[in-house]
């Protein structure tokens, strides 16, 4: 389920992480749960959205500033999780994007 605080209308950042998981997911679920809980406590973190189809996922996290993203990138727990990337993913792509404009419509 997505966790998104009210997003600013503009000038914030999105980190887009698209991936294809491997067959070796030992420790993945536990690490994912731990890092998600920790990320949500980071200064500048705004929330996330995610969609998964079979073993492919697009995960977007939202951040107030590039400095907030950089601080999360340097987090020790996050670094330990990232060290497992070659084991857990066949492919992944990470992109940092400036959101110049944002509009949300919900029914």
Protein backbone atom coordinates (compact mmCIF):
# COMPACT_ATOMS: atom_id res chain seq x y z
CA UNK A 1 0.00 0.00 0.00
CA UNK A 2 1.42 3.41 -0.90
CA UNK A 3 2.47 5.77 1.83
CA UNK A 4 2.41 9.35 0.62
CA UNK A 5 2.15 12.48 2.69
CA UNK A 6 0.57 15.41 0.87
CA UNK A 7 3.13 16.20 -1.81
CA UNK A 8 4.26 19.71 -2.63
CA UNK A 9 2.90 21.12 -5.89
CA UNK A 10 6.41 21.47 -7.34
CA UNK A 11 10.14 21.40 -6.75
CA UNK A 12 10.62 18.11 -4.95
CA UNK A 13 12.38 14.91 -6.01
CA UNK A 14 11.37 11.43 -7.07
CA UNK A 15 13.68 8.43 -6.97
CA UNK A 16 12.43 5.86 -9.48
CA UNK A 17 13.68 2.32 -8.91
CA UNK A 18 12.56 -0.22 -11.50
CA UNK A 19 13.69 -3.79 -11.04
CA UNK A 20 13.37 -7.42 -12.01
CA UNK A 21 13.93 -9.76 -9.08
CA UNK A 22 16.16 -12.81 -9.27
CA UNK A 23 15.26 -16.25 -7.98
CA UNK A 24 17.48 -15.87 -4.89
CA UNK A 25 15.47 -13.69 -2.50
CA UNK A 26 16.86 -15.04 0.75
CA UNK A 27 16.65 -12.23 3.33
CA UNK A 28 14.93 -9.85 0.90
CA UNK A 29 11.54 -9.52 2.63
CA UNK A 30 13.03 -8.84 6.04
CA UNK A 31 15.53 -6.32 4.70
CA UNK A 32 12.84 -4.59 2.63
CA UNK A 33 10.59 -4.23 5.67
CA UNK A 34 13.44 -2.85 7.80
CA UNK A 35 14.67 -0.34 5.22
CA UNK A 36 11.14 0.86 4.39
CA UNK A 37 10.42 1.57 8.06
CA UNK A 38 13.75 3.38 8.41
CA UNK A 39 13.33 5.41 5.20
CA UNK A 40 10.00 6.73 6.43
CA UNK A 41 11.77 8.21 9.45
CA UNK A 42 14.36 10.13 7.41
CA UNK A 43 14.22 13.93 7.32
CA UNK A 44 12.93 15.07 3.93
CA UNK A 45 11.14 11.80 3.12
CA UNK A 46 7.67 12.42 1.66
CA UNK A 47 6.41 8.93 0.80
CA UNK A 48 6.34 6.29 -1.89
CA UNK A 49 4.27 4.49 -4.49
CA UNK A 50 4.94 1.01 -5.82
CA UNK A 51 3.52 -1.43 -8.31
CA UNK A 52 4.57 -5.04 -8.85
CA UNK A 53 3.71 -7.40 -11.70
CA UNK A 54 5.12 -10.90 -11.15
CA UNK A 55 8.82 -10.28 -10.46
CA UNK A 56 8.96 -6.74 -11.89
CA UNK A 57 8.53 -3.69 -9.67
CA UNK A 58 8.48 0.07 -10.11
CA UNK A 59 9.05 1.81 -6.80
CA UNK A 60 8.99 5.62 -6.55
CA UNK A 61 10.05 7.40 -3.39
CA UNK A 62 9.49 11.14 -2.92
CA UNK A 63 11.90 13.51 -1.19
CA UNK A 64 11.96 17.21 -0.33
CA UNK A 65 15.56 17.77 -1.48
CA UNK A 66 18.53 16.11 -3.16
CA UNK A 67 20.37 16.41 0.17
CA UNK A 68 17.69 14.25 1.81
CA UNK A 69 18.21 11.62 -0.91
CA UNK A 70 21.97 11.78 -0.43
CA UNK A 71 21.64 11.36 3.34
CA UNK A 72 19.47 8.28 2.80
CA UNK A 73 21.97 6.91 0.26
CA UNK A 74 24.70 7.17 2.93
CA UNK A 75 22.59 5.46 5.62
CA UNK A 76 24.42 2.37 6.91
CA UNK A 77 21.35 0.10 6.91
CA UNK A 78 20.48 1.21 3.38
CA UNK A 79 24.08 0.57 2.24
CA UNK A 80 23.96 -2.97 3.66
CA UNK A 81 20.71 -3.62 1.78
CA UNK A 82 22.13 -2.20 -1.46
CA UNK A 83 25.14 -4.52 -1.15
CA UNK A 84 22.72 -7.42 -1.78
CA UNK A 85 21.43 -5.96 -5.07
CA UNK A 86 23.42 -8.31 -7.31
CA UNK A 87 21.92 -11.28 -5.47
CA UNK A 88 18.30 -10.07 -5.33
CA UNK A 89 17.92 -8.44 -8.76
CA UNK A 90 18.48 -9.60 -12.33
CA UNK A 91 18.16 -5.98 -13.41
CA UNK A 92 17.55 -2.63 -11.80
CA UNK A 93 17.57 1.01 -12.78
CA UNK A 94 17.63 3.90 -10.32
CA UNK A 95 16.88 7.46 -11.42
CA UNK A 96 16.64 10.73 -9.50
CA UNK A 97 14.21 13.23 -11.01
CA UNK A 98 13.22 16.78 -10.16
CA UNK A 99 9.42 17.10 -10.07
CA UNK A 100 8.63 20.49 -11.54
CA UNK A 101 4.88 20.08 -11.32
CA UNK A 102 2.56 17.64 -9.60
CA UNK A 103 -1.17 17.10 -9.73
CA UNK A 104 -3.15 14.40 -7.93
CA UNK A 105 -6.69 13.34 -8.78
CA UNK A 106 -8.46 10.81 -6.58
CA UNK A 107 -12.04 9.61 -6.68
